[in-house]
Amino acid sequence: MGKHLAHFLAAFRYSMAGFRDTWGSEMAFRQEVLLACVLVPGAMVLPVPLLAKLYLIGAMLLVLITELLNSGLEAIVDLASPGKHDLAKKAKDCGSAAVFIALVHLGAAWGLTLFNLTR
């Protein structure tokens, strides 16, 4: 049991290091966390079914997950290709596009939910 707990605690420390590093180096992540601090409680108080609340919160979490993965991808690209390279640009652009799609998904989820509340 002790080995499993040690593994869990080490994984937790690595995760917290990833959050701290991304928080410190990525303004977009800080902005998205601030957005989550507004939207997650907002989803909880909306007069919608529980599954709709979960969907809205999940859409926000998807943005944060995608941003974290994009930041990791950018770090790997910077390590592997410190100079300018077309493939490095492509990798970073694709990561950025993934974050954009997650943000569009979040906007659509909230937009449709709020639209349905006004009908």
PDB file of N, CA and C in Angstrom:
ATOM      1  N   MET A   1       0.827  -1.204   0.000  1.00  0.00           N
ATOM      2  CA  MET A   1       0.000   0.000   0.000  1.00  0.00           C
ATOM      3  C   MET A   1       0.863   1.256   0.000  1.00  0.00           C
ATOM      4  N   GLY A   2       1.977   1.235   0.720  1.00  0.00           N
ATOM      5  CA  GLY A   2       2.850   2.393   0.810  1.00  0.00           C
ATOM      6  C   GLY A   2       3.436   2.773  -0.534  1.00  0.00           C
ATOM      7  N   LYS A   3       3.758   1.771  -1.359  1.00  0.00           N
ATOM      8  CA  LYS A   3       4.320   2.038  -2.683  1.00  0.00           C
ATOM      9  C   LYS A   3       3.297   2.747  -3.570  1.00  0.00           C
ATOM     10  N   HIS A   4       2.051   2.354  -3.472  1.00  0.00           N
ATOM     11  CA  HIS A   4       0.992   2.975  -4.271  1.00  0.00           C
ATOM     12  C   HIS A   4       0.748   4.416  -3.835  1.00  0.00           C
ATOM     13  N   LEU A   5       0.770   4.632  -2.525  1.00  0.00           N
ATOM     14  CA  LEU A   5       0.589   5.984  -2.007  1.00  0.00           C
ATOM     15  C   LEU A   5       1.749   6.885  -2.437  1.00  0.00           C
ATOM     16  N   ALA A   6       2.957   6.357  -2.373  1.00  0.00           N
ATOM     17  CA  ALA A   6       4.125   7.136  -2.796  1.00  0.00           C
ATOM     18  C   ALA A   6       4.024   7.485  -4.278  1.00  0.00           C
ATOM     19  N   HIS A   7       3.580   6.535  -5.079  1.00  0.00           N
ATOM     20  CA  HIS A   7       3.416   6.792  -6.516  1.00  0.00           C
ATOM     21  C   HIS A   7       2.358   7.863  -6.739  1.00  0.00           C
ATOM     22  N   PHE A   8       1.247   7.765  -6.030  1.00  0.00           N
ATOM     23  CA  PHE A   8       0.172   8.760  -6.158  1.00  0.00           C
ATOM     24  C   PHE A   8       0.677  10.143  -5.762  1.00  0.00           C
ATOM     25  N   LEU A   9       1.398  10.223  -4.649  1.00  0.00           N
ATOM     26  CA  LEU A   9       1.902  11.522  -4.187  1.00  0.00           C
ATOM     27  C   LEU A   9       2.918  12.108  -5.151  1.00  0.00           C
ATOM     28  N   ALA A  10       3.765  11.264  -5.730  1.00  0.00           N
ATOM     29  CA  ALA A  10       4.734  11.753  -6.724  1.00  0.00           C
ATOM     30  C   ALA A  10       4.000  12.277  -7.955  1.00  0.00           C
ATOM     31  N   ALA A  11       3.003  11.540  -8.420  1.00  0.00           N
ATOM     32  CA  ALA A  11       2.226  11.989  -9.585  1.00  0.00           C
ATOM     33  C   ALA A  11       1.521  13.307  -9.288  1.00  0.00           C
ATOM     34  N   PHE A  12       1.018  13.436  -8.075  1.00  0.00           N
ATOM     35  CA  PHE A  12       0.360  14.679  -7.668  1.00  0.00           C
ATOM     36  C   PHE A  12       1.349  15.842  -7.695  1.00  0.00           C
ATOM     37  N   ARG A  13       2.555  15.627  -7.172  1.00  0.00           N
ATOM     38  CA  ARG A  13       3.581  16.677  -7.187  1.00  0.00           C
ATOM     39  C   ARG A  13       3.940  17.072  -8.617  1.00  0.00           C
ATOM     40  N   TYR A  14       4.058  16.099  -9.513  1.00  0.00           N
ATOM     41  CA  TYR A  14       4.359  16.407 -10.921  1.00  0.00           C
ATOM     42  C   TYR A  14       3.231  17.227 -11.539  1.00  0.00           C
ATOM     43  N   SER A  15       2.003  16.875 -11.219  1.00  0.00           N
ATOM     44  CA  SER A  15       0.854  17.616 -11.740  1.00  0.00           C
ATOM     45  C   SER A  15       0.859  19.050 -11.238  1.00  0.00           C
ATOM     46  N   MET A  16       1.111  19.223  -9.956  1.00  0.00           N
ATOM     47  CA  MET A  16       1.157  20.582  -9.386  1.00  0.00           C
ATOM     48  C   MET A  16       2.295  21.390 -10.002  1.00  0.00           C
ATOM     49  N   ALA A  17       3.425  20.743 -10.284  1.00  0.00           N
ATOM     50  CA  ALA A  17       4.537  21.429 -10.948  1.00  0.00           C
ATOM     51  C   ALA A  17       4.118  21.879 -12.348  1.00  0.00           C
ATOM     52  N   GLY A  18       3.357  21.041 -13.038  1.00  0.00           N
ATOM     53  CA  GLY A  18       2.854  21.412 -14.364  1.00  0.00           C
ATOM     54  C   GLY A  18       1.910  22.601 -14.293  1.00  0.00           C
ATOM     55  N   PHE A  19       1.024  22.596 -13.296  1.00  0.00           N
ATOM     56  CA  PHE A  19       0.128  23.747 -13.114  1.00  0.00           C
ATOM     57  C   PHE A  19       0.923  25.014 -12.819  1.00  0.00           C
ATOM     58  N   ARG A  20       1.874  24.918 -11.873  1.00  0.00           N
ATOM     59  CA  ARG A  20       2.669  26.102 -11.497  1.00  0.00           C
ATOM     60  C   ARG A  20       3.452  26.637 -12.689  1.00  0.00           C
ATOM     61  N   ASP A  21       4.083  25.755 -13.429  1.00  0.00           N
ATOM     62  CA  ASP A  21       4.883  26.195 -14.571  1.00  0.00           C
ATOM     63  C   ASP A  21       4.013  26.852 -15.633  1.00  0.00           C
ATOM     64  N   THR A  22       2.892  26.236 -15.926  1.00  0.00           N
ATOM     65  CA  THR A  22       2.001  26.795 -16.946  1.00  0.00           C
ATOM     66  C   THR A  22       1.398  28.107 -16.464  1.00  0.00           C
ATOM     67  N   TRP A  23       1.025  28.177 -15.199  1.00  0.00           N
ATOM     68  CA  TRP A  23       0.492  29.415 -14.630  1.00  0.00           C
ATOM     69  C   TRP A  23       1.522  30.530 -14.765  1.00  0.00           C
ATOM     70  N   GLY A  24       2.777  30.215 -14.485  1.00  0.00           N
ATOM     71  CA  GLY A  24       3.823  31.235 -14.511  1.00  0.00           C
ATOM     72  C   GLY A  24       4.255  31.656 -15.901  1.00  0.00           C
ATOM     73  N   SER A  25       4.070  30.782 -16.883  1.00  0.00           N
ATOM     74  CA  SER A  25       4.609  31.081 -18.210  1.00  0.00           C
ATOM     75  C   SER A  25       3.557  31.375 -19.276  1.00  0.00           C
ATOM     76  N   GLU A  26       2.310  31.098 -19.009  1.00  0.00           N
ATOM     77  CA  GLU A  26       1.276  31.239 -20.044  1.00  0.00           C
ATOM     78  C   GLU A  26       0.148  32.160 -19.575  1.00  0.00           C
ATOM     79  N   MET A  27       0.126  33.372 -20.122  1.00  0.00           N
ATOM     80  CA  MET A  27      -0.939  34.311 -19.782  1.00  0.00           C
ATOM     81  C   MET A  27      -2.306  33.749 -20.178  1.00  0.00           C
ATOM     82  N   ALA A  28      -2.364  33.053 -21.304  1.00  0.00           N
ATOM     83  CA  ALA A  28      -3.638  32.487 -21.755  1.00  0.00           C
ATOM     84  C   ALA A  28      -4.189  31.523 -20.712  1.00  0.00           C
ATOM     85  N   PHE A  29      -3.324  30.718 -20.092  1.00  0.00           N
ATOM     86  CA  PHE A  29      -3.785  29.782 -19.064  1.00  0.00           C
ATOM     87  C   PHE A  29      -4.343  30.534 -17.860  1.00  0.00           C
ATOM     88  N   ARG A  30      -3.665  31.591 -17.444  1.00  0.00           N
ATOM     89  CA  ARG A  30      -4.167  32.389 -16.313  1.00  0.00           C
ATOM     90  C   ARG A  30      -5.537  32.991 -16.646  1.00  0.00           C
ATOM     91  N   GLN A  31      -5.698  33.472 -17.875  1.00  0.00           N
ATOM     92  CA  GLN A  31      -6.988  34.032 -18.287  1.00  0.00           C
ATOM     93  C   GLN A  31      -8.072  32.965 -18.301  1.00  0.00           C
ATOM     94  N   GLU A  32      -7.727  31.775 -18.767  1.00  0.00           N
ATOM     95  CA  GLU A  32      -8.706  30.685 -18.829  1.00  0.00           C
ATOM     96  C   GLU A  32      -9.074  30.191 -17.433  1.00  0.00           C
ATOM     97  N   VAL A  33      -8.122  30.180 -16.513  1.00  0.00           N
ATOM     98  CA  VAL A  33      -8.439  29.806 -15.131  1.00  0.00           C
ATOM     99  C   VAL A  33      -9.378  30.846 -14.519  1.00  0.00           C
ATOM    100  N   LEU A  34      -9.114  32.123 -14.782  1.00  0.00           N
ATOM    101  CA  LEU A  34     -10.011  33.174 -14.303  1.00  0.00           C
ATOM    102  C   LEU A  34     -11.411  32.986 -14.887  1.00  0.00           C
ATOM    103  N   LEU A  35     -11.481  32.677 -16.175  1.00  0.00           N
ATOM    104  CA  LEU A  35     -12.770  32.406 -16.814  1.00  0.00           C
ATOM    105  C   LEU A  35     -13.466  31.228 -16.131  1.00  0.00           C
ATOM    106  N   ALA A  36     -12.702  30.196 -15.802  1.00  0.00           N
ATOM    107  CA  ALA A  36     -13.272  29.027 -15.116  1.00  0.00           C
ATOM    108  C   ALA A  36     -13.811  29.408 -13.741  1.00  0.00           C
ATOM    109  N   CYS A  37     -13.131  30.334 -13.069  1.00  0.00           N
ATOM    110  CA  CYS A  37     -13.582  30.784 -11.743  1.00  0.00           C
ATOM    111  C   CYS A  37     -14.931  31.494 -11.819  1.00  0.00           C
ATOM    112  N   VAL A  38     -15.281  31.993 -12.996  1.00  0.00           N
ATOM    113  CA  VAL A  38     -16.577  32.641 -13.206  1.00  0.00           C
ATOM    114  C   VAL A  38     -17.593  31.630 -13.743  1.00  0.00           C
ATOM    115  N   LEU A  39     -17.190  30.865 -14.755  1.00  0.00           N
ATOM    116  CA  LEU A  39     -18.147  29.997 -15.449  1.00  0.00           C
ATOM    117  C   LEU A  39     -18.543  28.751 -14.657  1.00  0.00           C
ATOM    118  N   VAL A  40     -17.625  28.169 -13.903  1.00  0.00           N
ATOM    119  CA  VAL A  40     -17.980  26.953 -13.157  1.00  0.00           C
ATOM    120  C   VAL A  40     -19.030  27.263 -12.085  1.00  0.00           C
ATOM    121  N   PRO A  41     -18.824  28.281 -11.241  1.00  0.00           N
ATOM    122  CA  PRO A  41     -19.915  28.616 -10.306  1.00  0.00           C
ATOM    123  C   PRO A  41     -21.179  29.072 -11.047  1.00  0.00           C
ATOM    124  N   GLY A  42     -20.993  29.774 -12.167  1.00  0.00           N
ATOM    125  CA  GLY A  42     -22.156  30.194 -12.952  1.00  0.00           C
ATOM    126  C   GLY A  42     -22.968  29.008 -13.430  1.00  0.00           C
ATOM    127  N   ALA A  43     -22.285  27.969 -13.875  1.00  0.00           N
ATOM    128  CA  ALA A  43     -22.989  26.762 -14.332  1.00  0.00           C
ATOM    129  C   ALA A  43     -23.754  26.118 -13.181  1.00  0.00           C
ATOM    130  N   MET A  44     -23.187  26.183 -11.994  1.00  0.00           N
ATOM    131  CA  MET A  44     -23.831  25.543 -10.844  1.00  0.00           C
ATOM    132  C   MET A  44     -25.142  26.223 -10.452  1.00  0.00           C
ATOM    133  N   VAL A  45     -25.242  27.526 -10.696  1.00  0.00           N
ATOM    134  CA  VAL A  45     -26.457  28.228 -10.274  1.00  0.00           C
ATOM    135  C   VAL A  45     -27.488  28.375 -11.390  1.00  0.00           C
ATOM    136  N   LEU A  46     -27.125  28.014 -12.605  1.00  0.00           N
ATOM    137  CA  LEU A  46     -28.109  28.109 -13.698  1.00  0.00           C
ATOM    138  C   LEU A  46     -29.269  27.145 -13.461  1.00  0.00           C
ATOM    139  N   PRO A  47     -30.474  27.564 -13.807  1.00  0.00           N
ATOM    140  CA  PRO A  47     -31.629  26.679 -13.647  1.00  0.00           C
ATOM    141  C   PRO A  47     -31.748  25.699 -14.829  1.00  0.00           C
ATOM    142  N   VAL A  48     -30.773  24.812 -14.921  1.00  0.00           N
ATOM    143  CA  VAL A  48     -30.742  23.798 -15.973  1.00  0.00           C
ATOM    144  C   VAL A  48     -30.535  22.436 -15.310  1.00  0.00           C
ATOM    145  N   PRO A  49     -30.825  21.349 -16.033  1.00  0.00           N
ATOM    146  CA  PRO A  49     -30.621  20.010 -15.460  1.00  0.00           C
ATOM    147  C   PRO A  49     -29.148  19.757 -15.101  1.00  0.00           C
ATOM    148  N   LEU A  50     -28.935  18.817 -14.213  1.00  0.00           N
ATOM    149  CA  LEU A  50     -27.596  18.482 -13.751  1.00  0.00           C
ATOM    150  C   LEU A  50     -26.663  18.131 -14.920  1.00  0.00           C
ATOM    151  N   LEU A  51     -27.158  17.377 -15.885  1.00  0.00           N
ATOM    152  CA  LEU A  51     -26.311  17.009 -17.025  1.00  0.00           C
ATOM    153  C   LEU A  51     -25.877  18.234 -17.825  1.00  0.00           C
ATOM    154  N   ALA A  52     -26.726  19.228 -17.929  1.00  0.00           N
ATOM    155  CA  ALA A  52     -26.349  20.465 -18.623  1.00  0.00           C
ATOM    156  C   ALA A  52     -25.264  21.188 -17.831  1.00  0.00           C
ATOM    157  N   LYS A  53     -25.380  21.205 -16.514  1.00  0.00           N
ATOM    158  CA  LYS A  53     -24.346  21.811 -15.669  1.00  0.00           C
ATOM    159  C   LYS A  53     -23.011  21.094 -15.882  1.00  0.00           C
ATOM    160  N   LEU A  54     -23.065  19.762 -15.867  1.00  0.00           N
ATOM    161  CA  LEU A  54     -21.853  18.975 -16.068  1.00  0.00           C
ATOM    162  C   LEU A  54     -21.243  19.229 -17.441  1.00  0.00           C
ATOM    163  N   TYR A  55     -22.076  19.375 -18.446  1.00  0.00           N
ATOM    164  CA  TYR A  55     -21.588  19.644 -19.797  1.00  0.00           C
ATOM    165  C   TYR A  55     -20.879  20.999 -19.858  1.00  0.00           C
ATOM    166  N   LEU A  56     -21.469  22.009 -19.255  1.00  0.00           N
ATOM    167  CA  LEU A  56     -20.850  23.337 -19.252  1.00  0.00           C
ATOM    168  C   LEU A  56     -19.519  23.325 -18.501  1.00  0.00           C
ATOM    169  N   ILE A  57     -19.480  22.646 -17.373  1.00  0.00           N
ATOM    170  CA  ILE A  57     -18.233  22.552 -16.610  1.00  0.00           C
ATOM    171  C   ILE A  57     -17.205  21.738 -17.397  1.00  0.00           C
ATOM    172  N   GLY A  58     -17.649  20.660 -18.018  1.00  0.00           N
ATOM    173  CA  GLY A  58     -16.753  19.839 -18.830  1.00  0.00           C
ATOM    174  C   GLY A  58     -16.172  20.606 -20.006  1.00  0.00           C
ATOM    175  N   ALA A  59     -16.976  21.454 -20.624  1.00  0.00           N
ATOM    176  CA  ALA A  59     -16.483  22.266 -21.737  1.00  0.00           C
ATOM    177  C   ALA A  59     -15.390  23.217 -21.254  1.00  0.00           C
ATOM    178  N   MET A  60     -15.535  23.755 -20.059  1.00  0.00           N
ATOM    179  CA  MET A  60     -14.511  24.644 -19.498  1.00  0.00           C
ATOM    180  C   MET A  60     -13.251  23.853 -19.179  1.00  0.00           C
ATOM    181  N   LEU A  61     -13.418  22.681 -18.586  1.00  0.00           N
ATOM    182  CA  LEU A  61     -12.260  21.846 -18.271  1.00  0.00           C
ATOM    183  C   LEU A  61     -11.522  21.426 -19.533  1.00  0.00           C
ATOM    184  N   LEU A  62     -12.257  21.199 -20.616  1.00  0.00           N
ATOM    185  CA  LEU A  62     -11.627  20.847 -21.886  1.00  0.00           C
ATOM    186  C   LEU A  62     -10.695  21.964 -22.363  1.00  0.00           C
ATOM    187  N   VAL A  63     -11.089  23.198 -22.173  1.00  0.00           N
ATOM    188  CA  VAL A  63     -10.226  24.329 -22.537  1.00  0.00           C
ATOM    189  C   VAL A  63      -8.938  24.280 -21.719  1.00  0.00           C
ATOM    190  N   LEU A  64      -9.054  24.069 -20.410  1.00  0.00           N
ATOM    191  CA  LEU A  64      -7.872  24.036 -19.556  1.00  0.00           C
ATOM    192  C   LEU A  64      -6.959  22.858 -19.901  1.00  0.00           C
ATOM    193  N   ILE A  65      -7.550  21.710 -20.143  1.00  0.00           N
ATOM    194  CA  ILE A  65      -6.774  20.526 -20.521  1.00  0.00           C
ATOM    195  C   ILE A  65      -6.026  20.781 -21.828  1.00  0.00           C
ATOM    196  N   THR A  66      -6.725  21.337 -22.801  1.00  0.00           N
ATOM    197  CA  THR A  66      -6.113  21.596 -24.097  1.00  0.00           C
ATOM    198  C   THR A  66      -4.986  22.610 -23.973  1.00  0.00           C
ATOM    199  N   GLU A  67      -5.185  23.628 -23.152  1.00  0.00           N
ATOM    200  CA  GLU A  67      -4.131  24.637 -22.947  1.00  0.00           C
ATOM    201  C   GLU A  67      -2.902  24.023 -22.287  1.00  0.00           C
ATOM    202  N   LEU A  68      -3.107  23.158 -21.306  1.00  0.00           N
ATOM    203  CA  LEU A  68      -1.979  22.485 -20.666  1.00  0.00           C
ATOM    204  C   LEU A  68      -1.214  21.616 -21.660  1.00  0.00           C
ATOM    205  N   LEU A  69      -1.931  20.862 -22.475  1.00  0.00           N
ATOM    206  CA  LEU A  69      -1.275  20.025 -23.488  1.00  0.00           C
ATOM    207  C   LEU A  69      -0.556  20.881 -24.520  1.00  0.00           C
ATOM    208  N   ASN A  70      -1.163  21.997 -24.920  1.00  0.00           N
ATOM    209  CA  ASN A  70      -0.526  22.899 -25.865  1.00  0.00           C
ATOM    210  C   ASN A  70       0.760  23.471 -25.283  1.00  0.00           C
ATOM    211  N   SER A  71       0.746  23.837 -24.015  1.00  0.00           N
ATOM    212  CA  SER A  71       1.943  24.371 -23.373  1.00  0.00           C
ATOM    213  C   SER A  71       3.050  23.322 -23.330  1.00  0.00           C
ATOM    214  N   GLY A  72       2.685  22.082 -23.038  1.00  0.00           N
ATOM    215  CA  GLY A  72       3.667  21.000 -23.056  1.00  0.00           C
ATOM    216  C   GLY A  72       4.236  20.781 -24.444  1.00  0.00           C
ATOM    217  N   LEU A  73       3.372  20.811 -25.447  1.00  0.00           N
ATOM    218  CA  LEU A  73       3.813  20.662 -26.837  1.00  0.00           C
ATOM    219  C   LEU A  73       4.781  21.775 -27.216  1.00  0.00           C
ATOM    220  N   GLU A  74       4.458  22.995 -26.834  1.00  0.00           N
ATOM    221  CA  GLU A  74       5.338  24.123 -27.147  1.00  0.00           C
ATOM    222  C   GLU A  74       6.700  23.960 -26.482  1.00  0.00           C
ATOM    223  N   ALA A  75       6.723  23.457 -25.246  1.00  0.00           N
ATOM    224  CA  ALA A  75       7.993  23.253 -24.551  1.00  0.00           C
ATOM    225  C   ALA A  75       8.854  22.215 -25.267  1.00  0.00           C
ATOM    226  N   ILE A  76       8.218  21.132 -25.709  1.00  0.00           N
ATOM    227  CA  ILE A  76       8.956  20.093 -26.441  1.00  0.00           C
ATOM    228  C   ILE A  76       9.494  20.650 -27.750  1.00  0.00           C
ATOM    229  N   VAL A  77       8.676  21.393 -28.465  1.00  0.00           N
ATOM    230  CA  VAL A  77       9.102  21.975 -29.739  1.00  0.00           C
ATOM    231  C   VAL A  77      10.266  22.937 -29.512  1.00  0.00           C
ATOM    232  N   ASP A  78      10.177  23.764 -28.486  1.00  0.00           N
ATOM    233  CA  ASP A  78      11.266  24.704 -28.199  1.00  0.00           C
ATOM    234  C   ASP A  78      12.561  23.983 -27.867  1.00  0.00           C
ATOM    235  N   LEU A  79      12.477  22.857 -27.166  1.00  0.00           N
ATOM    236  CA  LEU A  79      13.660  22.074 -26.841  1.00  0.00           C
ATOM    237  C   LEU A  79      14.255  21.428 -28.093  1.00  0.00           C
ATOM    238  N   ALA A  80      13.383  20.831 -28.903  1.00  0.00           N
ATOM    239  CA  ALA A  80      13.847  20.092 -30.079  1.00  0.00           C
ATOM    240  C   ALA A  80      14.275  21.000 -31.217  1.00  0.00           C
ATOM    241  N   SER A  81      13.672  22.177 -31.301  1.00  0.00           N
ATOM    242  CA  SER A  81      13.929  23.055 -32.431  1.00  0.00           C
ATOM    243  C   SER A  81      14.021  24.500 -31.954  1.00  0.00           C
ATOM    244  N   PRO A  82      15.150  24.872 -31.328  1.00  0.00           N
ATOM    245  CA  PRO A  82      15.261  26.234 -30.801  1.00  0.00           C
ATOM    246  C   PRO A  82      15.239  27.307 -31.898  1.00  0.00           C
ATOM    247  N   GLY A  83      15.644  26.958 -33.102  1.00  0.00           N
ATOM    248  CA  GLY A  83      15.595  27.903 -34.218  1.00  0.00           C
ATOM    249  C   GLY A  83      14.255  27.821 -34.925  1.00  0.00           C
ATOM    250  N   LYS A  84      14.106  28.644 -35.931  1.00  0.00           N
ATOM    251  CA  LYS A  84      12.866  28.615 -36.724  1.00  0.00           C
ATOM    252  C   LYS A  84      12.882  27.409 -37.658  1.00  0.00           C
ATOM    253  N   HIS A  85      11.754  26.719 -37.699  1.00  0.00           N
ATOM    254  CA  HIS A  85      11.606  25.570 -38.591  1.00  0.00           C
ATOM    255  C   HIS A  85      10.131  25.447 -38.937  1.00  0.00           C
ATOM    256  N   ASP A  86       9.852  25.118 -40.180  1.00  0.00           N
ATOM    257  CA  ASP A  86       8.457  25.012 -40.628  1.00  0.00           C
ATOM    258  C   ASP A  86       7.661  23.976 -39.825  1.00  0.00           C
ATOM    259  N   LEU A  87       8.298  22.848 -39.497  1.00  0.00           N
ATOM    260  CA  LEU A  87       7.575  21.815 -38.742  1.00  0.00           C
ATOM    261  C   LEU A  87       7.332  22.256 -37.293  1.00  0.00           C
ATOM    262  N   ALA A  88       8.266  23.000 -36.721  1.00  0.00           N
ATOM    263  CA  ALA A  88       8.055  23.524 -35.368  1.00  0.00           C
ATOM    264  C   ALA A  88       6.878  24.491 -35.374  1.00  0.00           C
ATOM    265  N   LYS A  89       6.823  25.342 -36.379  1.00  0.00           N
ATOM    266  CA  LYS A  89       5.709  26.283 -36.515  1.00  0.00           C
ATOM    267  C   LYS A  89       4.391  25.531 -36.674  1.00  0.00           C
ATOM    268  N   LYS A  90       4.408  24.494 -37.495  1.00  0.00           N
ATOM    269  CA  LYS A  90       3.190  23.703 -37.715  1.00  0.00           C
ATOM    270  C   LYS A  90       2.701  23.078 -36.404  1.00  0.00           C
ATOM    271  N   ALA A  91       3.630  22.509 -35.631  1.00  0.00           N
ATOM    272  CA  ALA A  91       3.247  21.878 -34.360  1.00  0.00           C
ATOM    273  C   ALA A  91       2.626  22.906 -33.419  1.00  0.00           C
ATOM    274  N   LYS A  92       3.259  24.066 -33.310  1.00  0.00           N
ATOM    275  CA  LYS A  92       2.731  25.102 -32.415  1.00  0.00           C
ATOM    276  C   LYS A  92       1.397  25.640 -32.919  1.00  0.00           C
ATOM    277  N   ASP A  93       1.268  25.817 -34.215  1.00  0.00           N
ATOM    278  CA  ASP A  93       0.011  26.300 -34.784  1.00  0.00           C
ATOM    279  C   ASP A  93      -1.119  25.302 -34.570  1.00  0.00           C
ATOM    280  N   CYS A  94      -0.815  24.020 -34.687  1.00  0.00           N
ATOM    281  CA  CYS A  94      -1.841  22.995 -34.460  1.00  0.00           C
ATOM    282  C   CYS A  94      -2.288  22.983 -33.005  1.00  0.00           C
ATOM    283  N   GLY A  95      -1.342  23.145 -32.080  1.00  0.00           N
ATOM    284  CA  GLY A  95      -1.701  23.232 -30.666  1.00  0.00           C
ATOM    285  C   GLY A  95      -2.588  24.431 -30.394  1.00  0.00           C
ATOM    286  N   SER A  96      -2.242  25.553 -31.001  1.00  0.00           N
ATOM    287  CA  SER A  96      -3.054  26.763 -30.850  1.00  0.00           C
ATOM    288  C   SER A  96      -4.448  26.560 -31.438  1.00  0.00           C
ATOM    289  N   ALA A  97      -4.518  25.888 -32.569  1.00  0.00           N
ATOM    290  CA  ALA A  97      -5.817  25.619 -33.193  1.00  0.00           C
ATOM    291  C   ALA A  97      -6.677  24.722 -32.300  1.00  0.00           C
ATOM    292  N   ALA A  98      -6.045  23.771 -31.622  1.00  0.00           N
ATOM    293  CA  ALA A  98      -6.791  22.891 -30.709  1.00  0.00           C
ATOM    294  C   ALA A  98      -7.398  23.696 -29.560  1.00  0.00           C
ATOM    295  N   VAL A  99      -6.632  24.633 -29.017  1.00  0.00           N
ATOM    296  CA  VAL A  99      -7.162  25.491 -27.952  1.00  0.00           C
ATOM    297  C   VAL A  99      -8.316  26.327 -28.492  1.00  0.00           C
ATOM    298  N   PHE A 100      -8.149  26.851 -29.700  1.00  0.00           N
ATOM    299  CA  PHE A 100      -9.208  27.663 -30.313  1.00  0.00           C
ATOM    300  C   PHE A 100     -10.500  26.854 -30.463  1.00  0.00           C
ATOM    301  N   ILE A 101     -10.383  25.616 -30.924  1.00  0.00           N
ATOM    302  CA  ILE A 101     -11.569  24.770 -31.092  1.00  0.00           C
ATOM    303  C   ILE A 101     -12.232  24.516 -29.734  1.00  0.00           C
ATOM    304  N   ALA A 102     -11.430  24.274 -28.701  1.00  0.00           N
ATOM    305  CA  ALA A 102     -11.998  24.065 -27.366  1.00  0.00           C
ATOM    306  C   ALA A 102     -12.730  25.320 -26.883  1.00  0.00           C
ATOM    307  N   LEU A 103     -12.168  26.492 -27.182  1.00  0.00           N
ATOM    308  CA  LEU A 103     -12.835  27.743 -26.794  1.00  0.00           C
ATOM    309  C   LEU A 103     -14.127  27.962 -27.583  1.00  0.00           C
ATOM    310  N   VAL A 104     -14.129  27.617 -28.864  1.00  0.00           N
ATOM    311  CA  VAL A 104     -15.358  27.725 -29.668  1.00  0.00           C
ATOM    312  C   VAL A 104     -16.421  26.781 -29.104  1.00  0.00           C
ATOM    313  N   HIS A 105     -16.010  25.577 -28.745  1.00  0.00           N
ATOM    314  CA  HIS A 105     -16.923  24.610 -28.146  1.00  0.00           C
ATOM    315  C   HIS A 105     -17.516  25.163 -26.850  1.00  0.00           C
ATOM    316  N   LEU A 106     -16.669  25.765 -26.014  1.00  0.00           N
ATOM    317  CA  LEU A 106     -17.139  26.370 -24.762  1.00  0.00           C
ATOM    318  C   LEU A 106     -18.146  27.476 -25.051  1.00  0.00           C
ATOM    319  N   GLY A 107     -17.837  28.345 -25.993  1.00  0.00           N
ATOM    320  CA  GLY A 107     -18.742  29.434 -26.345  1.00  0.00           C
ATOM    321  C   GLY A 107     -20.071  28.920 -26.877  1.00  0.00           C
ATOM    322  N   ALA A 108     -20.002  27.881 -27.707  1.00  0.00           N
ATOM    323  CA  ALA A 108     -21.233  27.307 -28.261  1.00  0.00           C
ATOM    324  C   ALA A 108     -22.076  26.666 -27.160  1.00  0.00           C
ATOM    325  N   ALA A 109     -21.433  25.954 -26.249  1.00  0.00           N
ATOM    326  CA  ALA A 109     -22.170  25.303 -25.155  1.00  0.00           C
ATOM    327  C   ALA A 109     -22.893  26.346 -24.307  1.00  0.00           C
ATOM    328  N   TRP A 110     -22.174  27.405 -23.941  1.00  0.00           N
ATOM    329  CA  TRP A 110     -22.794  28.450 -23.129  1.00  0.00           C
ATOM    330  C   TRP A 110     -23.836  29.222 -23.927  1.00  0.00           C
ATOM    331  N   GLY A 111     -23.539  29.530 -25.170  1.00  0.00           N
ATOM    332  CA  GLY A 111     -24.480  30.275 -26.001  1.00  0.00           C
ATOM    333  C   GLY A 111     -25.795  29.538 -26.172  1.00  0.00           C
ATOM    334  N   LEU A 112     -25.712  28.260 -26.497  1.00  0.00           N
ATOM    335  CA  LEU A 112     -26.937  27.471 -26.684  1.00  0.00           C
ATOM    336  C   LEU A 112     -27.702  27.298 -25.380  1.00  0.00           C
ATOM    337  N   THR A 113     -26.980  27.110 -24.288  1.00  0.00           N
ATOM    338  CA  THR A 113     -27.639  26.971 -22.990  1.00  0.00           C
ATOM    339  C   THR A 113     -28.384  28.234 -22.614  1.00  0.00           C
ATOM    340  N   LEU A 114     -27.707  29.372 -22.750  1.00  0.00           N
ATOM    341  CA  LEU A 114     -28.356  30.652 -22.403  1.00  0.00           C
ATOM    342  C   LEU A 114     -29.500  30.974 -23.355  1.00  0.00           C
ATOM    343  N   PHE A 115     -29.333  30.642 -24.630  1.00  0.00           N
ATOM    344  CA  PHE A 115     -30.402  30.862 -25.610  1.00  0.00           C
ATOM    345  C   PHE A 115     -31.640  30.058 -25.221  1.00  0.00           C
ATOM    346  N   ASN A 116     -31.438  28.806 -24.821  1.00  0.00           N
ATOM    347  CA  ASN A 116     -32.562  27.961 -24.429  1.00  0.00           C
ATOM    348  C   ASN A 116     -33.246  28.449 -23.160  1.00  0.00           C
ATOM    349  N   LEU A 117     -32.492  29.115 -22.287  1.00  0.00           N
ATOM    350  CA  LEU A 117     -33.088  29.655 -21.065  1.00  0.00           C
ATOM    351  C   LEU A 117     -33.991  30.856 -21.358  1.00  0.00           C
ATOM    352  N   THR A 118     -33.719  31.559 -22.438  1.00  0.00           N
ATOM    353  CA  THR A 118     -34.513  32.746 -22.754  1.00  0.00           C
ATOM    354  C   THR A 118     -35.770  32.425 -23.552  1.00  0.00           C
ATOM    355  N   ARG A 119     -35.907  31.198 -23.975  1.00  0.00           N
ATOM    356  CA  ARG A 119     -37.084  30.823 -24.756  1.00  0.00           C
ATOM    357  C   ARG A 119     -38.206  30.418 -23.853  1.00  0.00           C
TER     358      ARG A 119
END
